[in-house]
Amino acid sequence: GTETSDGTELRPYCTWGSSCDWNEDTKQECATALCEAAGYRNGTFVSASNNPCDESFVSGYAYYHVLGRTGVRRDDYTNEDTKQEC
């Protein structure tokens, strides 16, 4: 099915830590992280609301996958809203 990030623990946004490069690999990493959090084994990137390197989709505390790290965490980050096929 298609899953869209919403900032919850099961559908985290995607963000970055020390450096940001929004490319096919990082888009796929976001898709995989969201789909795994939602209980799927893998996923394919479909679309994103914005480039998280440049601007934020929402502000405030939510659950995020940080590019280059494992799992999800709750914090206040620059982020984007993604859609994945899981």
C-alpha atoms as a PDB file:
ATOM      1  CA  GLY A   1       0.000   0.000   0.000  1.00  0.00           C
ATOM      2  CA  THR A   2       0.943   3.647  -0.099  1.00  0.00           C
ATOM      3  CA  GLU A   3       2.105   5.203   3.171  1.00  0.00           C
ATOM      4  CA  THR A   4       2.570   8.930   3.827  1.00  0.00           C
ATOM      5  CA  SER A   5       4.690  10.262   6.658  1.00  0.00           C
ATOM      6  CA  ASP A   6       2.743  12.178   9.306  1.00  0.00           C
ATOM      7  CA  GLY A   7       5.263  12.602  12.121  1.00  0.00           C
ATOM      8  CA  THR A   8       3.996   9.717  14.250  1.00  0.00           C
ATOM      9  CA  GLU A   9       6.217   6.884  15.439  1.00  0.00           C
ATOM     10  CA  LEU A  10       4.709   4.568  12.797  1.00  0.00           C
ATOM     11  CA  ARG A  11       4.987   7.134   9.978  1.00  0.00           C
ATOM     12  CA  PRO A  12       7.997   9.338  10.754  1.00  0.00           C
ATOM     13  CA  TYR A  13       9.179  12.306   8.741  1.00  0.00           C
ATOM     14  CA  CYS A  14      12.656  12.208   7.258  1.00  0.00           C
ATOM     15  CA  THR A  15      15.376  14.689   8.212  1.00  0.00           C
ATOM     16  CA  TRP A  16      19.137  15.120   8.241  1.00  0.00           C
ATOM     17  CA  GLY A  17      21.916  15.581  10.779  1.00  0.00           C
ATOM     18  CA  SER A  18      25.258  17.198  10.025  1.00  0.00           C
ATOM     19  CA  SER A  19      24.982  17.342   6.230  1.00  0.00           C
ATOM     20  CA  CYS A  20      22.189  16.973   3.695  1.00  0.00           C
ATOM     21  CA  ASP A  21      22.139  15.642   0.150  1.00  0.00           C
ATOM     22  CA  TRP A  22      18.637  15.031  -1.240  1.00  0.00           C
ATOM     23  CA  ASN A  23      19.227  12.443  -3.971  1.00  0.00           C
ATOM     24  CA  GLU A  24      17.900   9.052  -5.093  1.00  0.00           C
ATOM     25  CA  ASP A  25      19.792   7.202  -2.333  1.00  0.00           C
ATOM     26  CA  THR A  26      18.556   9.414   0.506  1.00  0.00           C
ATOM     27  CA  LYS A  27      15.000   9.430  -0.868  1.00  0.00           C
ATOM     28  CA  GLN A  28      15.093   5.633  -0.876  1.00  0.00           C
ATOM     29  CA  GLU A  29      16.531   5.604   2.648  1.00  0.00           C
ATOM     30  CA  CYS A  30      13.564   7.703   3.792  1.00  0.00           C
ATOM     31  CA  ALA A  31      11.117   5.369   2.059  1.00  0.00           C
ATOM     32  CA  THR A  32      12.686   2.296   3.634  1.00  0.00           C
ATOM     33  CA  ALA A  33      12.717   3.877   7.110  1.00  0.00           C
ATOM     34  CA  LEU A  34       9.058   4.912   6.919  1.00  0.00           C
ATOM     35  CA  CYS A  35       7.918   1.551   5.570  1.00  0.00           C
ATOM     36  CA  GLU A  36       9.898  -0.352   8.215  1.00  0.00           C
ATOM     37  CA  ALA A  37       8.397   1.855  10.948  1.00  0.00           C
ATOM     38  CA  ALA A  38       4.929   1.080   9.538  1.00  0.00           C
ATOM     39  CA  GLY A  39       5.632  -2.655   9.764  1.00  0.00           C
ATOM     40  CA  TYR A  40       6.725  -3.452   6.199  1.00  0.00           C
ATOM     41  CA  ARG A  41      10.030  -5.048   5.186  1.00  0.00           C
ATOM     42  CA  ASN A  42      10.931  -2.433   2.557  1.00  0.00           C
ATOM     43  CA  GLY A  43       9.539   0.351   0.416  1.00  0.00           C
ATOM     44  CA  THR A  44       9.961   2.467  -2.699  1.00  0.00           C
ATOM     45  CA  PHE A  45      10.091   6.266  -2.718  1.00  0.00           C
ATOM     46  CA  VAL A  46       7.112   7.884  -4.509  1.00  0.00           C
ATOM     47  CA  SER A  47       7.175  11.617  -3.769  1.00  0.00           C
ATOM     48  CA  ALA A  48       8.053  14.294  -1.232  1.00  0.00           C
ATOM     49  CA  SER A  49       6.488  17.600  -0.269  1.00  0.00           C
ATOM     50  CA  ASN A  50       9.801  19.445  -0.395  1.00  0.00           C
ATOM     51  CA  ASN A  51      13.569  19.157  -0.217  1.00  0.00           C
ATOM     52  CA  PRO A  52      14.355  18.880   3.515  1.00  0.00           C
ATOM     53  CA  CYS A  53      17.831  20.350   2.909  1.00  0.00           C
ATOM     54  CA  ASP A  54      16.202  23.677   1.986  1.00  0.00           C
ATOM     55  CA  GLU A  55      12.973  23.981   3.985  1.00  0.00           C
ATOM     56  CA  SER A  56      10.723  22.306   6.544  1.00  0.00           C
ATOM     57  CA  PHE A  57       7.292  20.778   5.935  1.00  0.00           C
ATOM     58  CA  VAL A  58       6.243  21.188   9.583  1.00  0.00           C
ATOM     59  CA  SER A  59       7.771  22.728  12.688  1.00  0.00           C
ATOM     60  CA  GLY A  60       7.900  21.425  16.214  1.00  0.00           C
ATOM     61  CA  TYR A  61       8.351  18.038  17.809  1.00  0.00           C
ATOM     62  CA  ALA A  62       7.521  14.887  15.872  1.00  0.00           C
ATOM     63  CA  TYR A  63       9.053  11.506  15.067  1.00  0.00           C
ATOM     64  CA  TYR A  64      11.841  11.505  12.470  1.00  0.00           C
ATOM     65  CA  HIS A  65      14.237   9.210  10.680  1.00  0.00           C
ATOM     66  CA  VAL A  66      17.612  10.975  10.515  1.00  0.00           C
ATOM     67  CA  LEU A  67      19.489  10.253   7.280  1.00  0.00           C
ATOM     68  CA  GLY A  68      22.523   8.055   7.875  1.00  0.00           C
ATOM     69  CA  ARG A  69      21.247   6.831  11.248  1.00  0.00           C
ATOM     70  CA  THR A  70      19.094   3.898  12.293  1.00  0.00           C
ATOM     71  CA  GLY A  71      15.591   3.912  13.695  1.00  0.00           C
ATOM     72  CA  VAL A  72      13.373   6.894  14.484  1.00  0.00           C
ATOM     73  CA  ARG A  73      13.563   9.514  17.213  1.00  0.00           C
ATOM     74  CA  ARG A  74      11.304  12.237  18.579  1.00  0.00           C
ATOM     75  CA  ASP A  75      12.787  15.708  18.235  1.00  0.00           C
ATOM     76  CA  ASP A  76      12.474  19.093  16.496  1.00  0.00           C
ATOM     77  CA  TYR A  77      14.121  18.955  13.053  1.00  0.00           C
ATOM     78  CA  THR A  78      13.912  20.380   9.542  1.00  0.00           C
ATOM     79  CA  ASN A  79      11.906  17.779   7.644  1.00  0.00           C
ATOM     80  CA  GLU A  80       9.773  16.767   4.717  1.00  0.00           C
ATOM     81  CA  ASP A  81       6.589  14.829   4.143  1.00  0.00           C
ATOM     82  CA  THR A  82       7.152  11.727   1.991  1.00  0.00           C
ATOM     83  CA  LYS A  83       4.958   9.200   0.268  1.00  0.00           C
ATOM     84  CA  GLN A  84       6.127   5.603  -0.186  1.00  0.00           C
ATOM     85  CA  GLU A  85       4.927   2.368  -1.687  1.00  0.00           C
ATOM     86  CA  CYS A  86       5.421  -0.293   0.973  1.00  0.00           C
END
